[in-house]
């Protein structure tokens, strides 16, 4: 199984490397006003993938953190309030001890 996983990642890496070398050309991005930026196409595509993946990943991590926190609250032992002290009867109370 480890061999198949390694093979998959190797094929993916080689495919990305071939794609990047064949498309290594400048792309001009028009920013606001007369401003323009030149960036290589594979770098632009990688940046767009990261910008699309990052919010989804952050939401997933937040929900996992929230779920773990809720589970920890449920796993804690219940806090039992101590019993209230018995009320003192007025007949038994002697403010002056003799």
C-alpha atoms as a PDB file:
ATOM      1  CA  UNK A   1       0.000   0.000   0.000  1.00  0.00           C
ATOM      2  CA  UNK A   2       2.876   2.345   0.816  1.00  0.00           C
ATOM      3  CA  UNK A   3       4.293   1.648  -2.651  1.00  0.00           C
ATOM      4  CA  UNK A   4       1.049   2.766  -4.325  1.00  0.00           C
ATOM      5  CA  UNK A   5       0.933   5.946  -2.282  1.00  0.00           C
ATOM      6  CA  UNK A   6       4.539   6.747  -3.158  1.00  0.00           C
ATOM      7  CA  UNK A   7       3.895   5.966  -6.812  1.00  0.00           C
ATOM      8  CA  UNK A   8       0.859   8.262  -6.860  1.00  0.00           C
ATOM      9  CA  UNK A   9       2.809  11.191  -5.383  1.00  0.00           C
ATOM     10  CA  UNK A  10       5.718  10.605  -7.773  1.00  0.00           C
ATOM     11  CA  UNK A  11       3.403  10.601 -10.819  1.00  0.00           C
ATOM     12  CA  UNK A  12       1.705  13.758  -9.559  1.00  0.00           C
ATOM     13  CA  UNK A  13       5.044  15.527  -8.944  1.00  0.00           C
ATOM     14  CA  UNK A  14       6.420  14.581 -12.376  1.00  0.00           C
ATOM     15  CA  UNK A  15       3.186  15.679 -14.062  1.00  0.00           C
ATOM     16  CA  UNK A  16       3.299  19.036 -12.298  1.00  0.00           C
ATOM     17  CA  UNK A  17       6.961  19.495 -13.195  1.00  0.00           C
ATOM     18  CA  UNK A  18       6.290  18.765 -16.879  1.00  0.00           C
ATOM     19  CA  UNK A  19       3.295  21.095 -16.892  1.00  0.00           C
ATOM     20  CA  UNK A  20       5.309  23.874 -15.250  1.00  0.00           C
ATOM     21  CA  UNK A  21       8.249  23.616 -17.658  1.00  0.00           C
ATOM     22  CA  UNK A  22       6.034  23.588 -20.743  1.00  0.00           C
ATOM     23  CA  UNK A  23       3.996  26.603 -19.587  1.00  0.00           C
ATOM     24  CA  UNK A  24       6.805  28.713 -18.118  1.00  0.00           C
ATOM     25  CA  UNK A  25       5.820  32.013 -19.680  1.00  0.00           C
ATOM     26  CA  UNK A  26       4.901  35.428 -18.380  1.00  0.00           C
ATOM     27  CA  UNK A  27       1.294  36.370 -17.802  1.00  0.00           C
ATOM     28  CA  UNK A  28       0.406  40.036 -17.417  1.00  0.00           C
ATOM     29  CA  UNK A  29      -2.168  40.805 -14.760  1.00  0.00           C
ATOM     30  CA  UNK A  30      -3.814  44.218 -14.989  1.00  0.00           C
ATOM     31  CA  UNK A  31      -4.166  45.619 -11.516  1.00  0.00           C
ATOM     32  CA  UNK A  32      -5.879  48.884 -10.697  1.00  0.00           C
ATOM     33  CA  UNK A  33      -5.161  51.914 -12.858  1.00  0.00           C
ATOM     34  CA  UNK A  34      -2.032  51.770 -15.000  1.00  0.00           C
ATOM     35  CA  UNK A  35      -0.474  49.135 -12.704  1.00  0.00           C
ATOM     36  CA  UNK A  36       0.314  45.734 -14.194  1.00  0.00           C
ATOM     37  CA  UNK A  37       2.158  42.712 -12.825  1.00  0.00           C
ATOM     38  CA  UNK A  38       4.035  40.022 -14.716  1.00  0.00           C
ATOM     39  CA  UNK A  39       4.051  36.573 -13.169  1.00  0.00           C
ATOM     40  CA  UNK A  40       4.887  33.116 -14.455  1.00  0.00           C
ATOM     41  CA  UNK A  41       1.815  31.027 -15.293  1.00  0.00           C
ATOM     42  CA  UNK A  42       2.577  28.027 -13.021  1.00  0.00           C
ATOM     43  CA  UNK A  43       3.188  30.353 -10.076  1.00  0.00           C
ATOM     44  CA  UNK A  44      -0.086  32.146 -10.742  1.00  0.00           C
ATOM     45  CA  UNK A  45      -1.958  28.843 -10.875  1.00  0.00           C
ATOM     46  CA  UNK A  46      -0.336  27.637  -7.634  1.00  0.00           C
ATOM     47  CA  UNK A  47      -1.256  30.914  -5.949  1.00  0.00           C
ATOM     48  CA  UNK A  48      -4.879  30.585  -7.050  1.00  0.00           C
ATOM     49  CA  UNK A  49      -5.069  26.985  -5.790  1.00  0.00           C
ATOM     50  CA  UNK A  50      -3.718  28.056  -2.395  1.00  0.00           C
ATOM     51  CA  UNK A  51      -6.123  31.002  -2.224  1.00  0.00           C
ATOM     52  CA  UNK A  52      -9.041  28.662  -2.932  1.00  0.00           C
ATOM     53  CA  UNK A  53      -7.876  25.931  -0.557  1.00  0.00           C
ATOM     54  CA  UNK A  54      -6.916  28.072   2.446  1.00  0.00           C
ATOM     55  CA  UNK A  55     -10.383  29.339   3.527  1.00  0.00           C
ATOM     56  CA  UNK A  56     -11.861  25.841   3.283  1.00  0.00           C
ATOM     57  CA  UNK A  57      -8.990  24.398   5.310  1.00  0.00           C
ATOM     58  CA  UNK A  58      -9.314  27.115   7.963  1.00  0.00           C
ATOM     59  CA  UNK A  59     -13.057  26.465   8.295  1.00  0.00           C
ATOM     60  CA  UNK A  60     -12.403  22.728   8.630  1.00  0.00           C
ATOM     61  CA  UNK A  61      -9.751  23.274  11.307  1.00  0.00           C
ATOM     62  CA  UNK A  62     -12.091  25.604  13.180  1.00  0.00           C
ATOM     63  CA  UNK A  63     -14.911  23.081  13.170  1.00  0.00           C
ATOM     64  CA  UNK A  64     -12.590  20.284  14.297  1.00  0.00           C
ATOM     65  CA  UNK A  65     -11.323  22.469  17.134  1.00  0.00           C
ATOM     66  CA  UNK A  66     -14.902  23.290  18.140  1.00  0.00           C
ATOM     67  CA  UNK A  67     -15.922  19.618  18.075  1.00  0.00           C
ATOM     68  CA  UNK A  68     -12.911  18.587  20.178  1.00  0.00           C
ATOM     69  CA  UNK A  69     -13.705  21.311  22.689  1.00  0.00           C
ATOM     70  CA  UNK A  70     -17.314  20.113  22.969  1.00  0.00           C
ATOM     71  CA  UNK A  71     -16.182  16.508  23.440  1.00  0.00           C
ATOM     72  CA  UNK A  72     -13.787  17.546  26.190  1.00  0.00           C
ATOM     73  CA  UNK A  73     -16.628  19.352  27.952  1.00  0.00           C
ATOM     74  CA  UNK A  74     -18.796  16.219  27.724  1.00  0.00           C
ATOM     75  CA  UNK A  75     -15.997  13.959  28.995  1.00  0.00           C
ATOM     76  CA  UNK A  76     -15.413  16.002  32.133  1.00  0.00           C
ATOM     77  CA  UNK A  77     -16.948  14.601  35.297  1.00  0.00           C
ATOM     78  CA  UNK A  78     -20.079  16.390  36.358  1.00  0.00           C
ATOM     79  CA  UNK A  79     -19.600  18.944  39.112  1.00  0.00           C
ATOM     80  CA  UNK A  80     -21.745  18.020  42.076  1.00  0.00           C
ATOM     81  CA  UNK A  81     -22.680  20.884  44.369  1.00  0.00           C
ATOM     82  CA  UNK A  82     -21.889  20.242  48.023  1.00  0.00           C
ATOM     83  CA  UNK A  83     -24.937  19.758  50.220  1.00  0.00           C
ATOM     84  CA  UNK A  84     -26.199  22.883  51.928  1.00  0.00           C
ATOM     85  CA  UNK A  85     -25.469  23.077  55.656  1.00  0.00           C
ATOM     86  CA  UNK A  86     -28.329  22.237  57.934  1.00  0.00           C
ATOM     87  CA  UNK A  87     -30.122  25.292  59.277  1.00  0.00           C
ATOM     88  CA  UNK A  88     -29.506  26.111  62.913  1.00  0.00           C
ATOM     89  CA  UNK A  89     -32.609  25.946  65.071  1.00  0.00           C
ATOM     90  CA  UNK A  90     -33.193  28.969  67.275  1.00  0.00           C
ATOM     91  CA  UNK A  91     -33.656  26.772  70.392  1.00  0.00           C
ATOM     92  CA  UNK A  92     -30.218  25.182  70.060  1.00  0.00           C
ATOM     93  CA  UNK A  93     -28.377  28.425  69.480  1.00  0.00           C
ATOM     94  CA  UNK A  94     -26.761  29.956  72.561  1.00  0.00           C
ATOM     95  CA  UNK A  95     -24.733  33.067  71.723  1.00  0.00           C
ATOM     96  CA  UNK A  96     -22.999  33.034  75.078  1.00  0.00           C
ATOM     97  CA  UNK A  97     -21.115  29.887  75.790  1.00  0.00           C
ATOM     98  CA  UNK A  98     -20.929  29.249  79.563  1.00  0.00           C
END
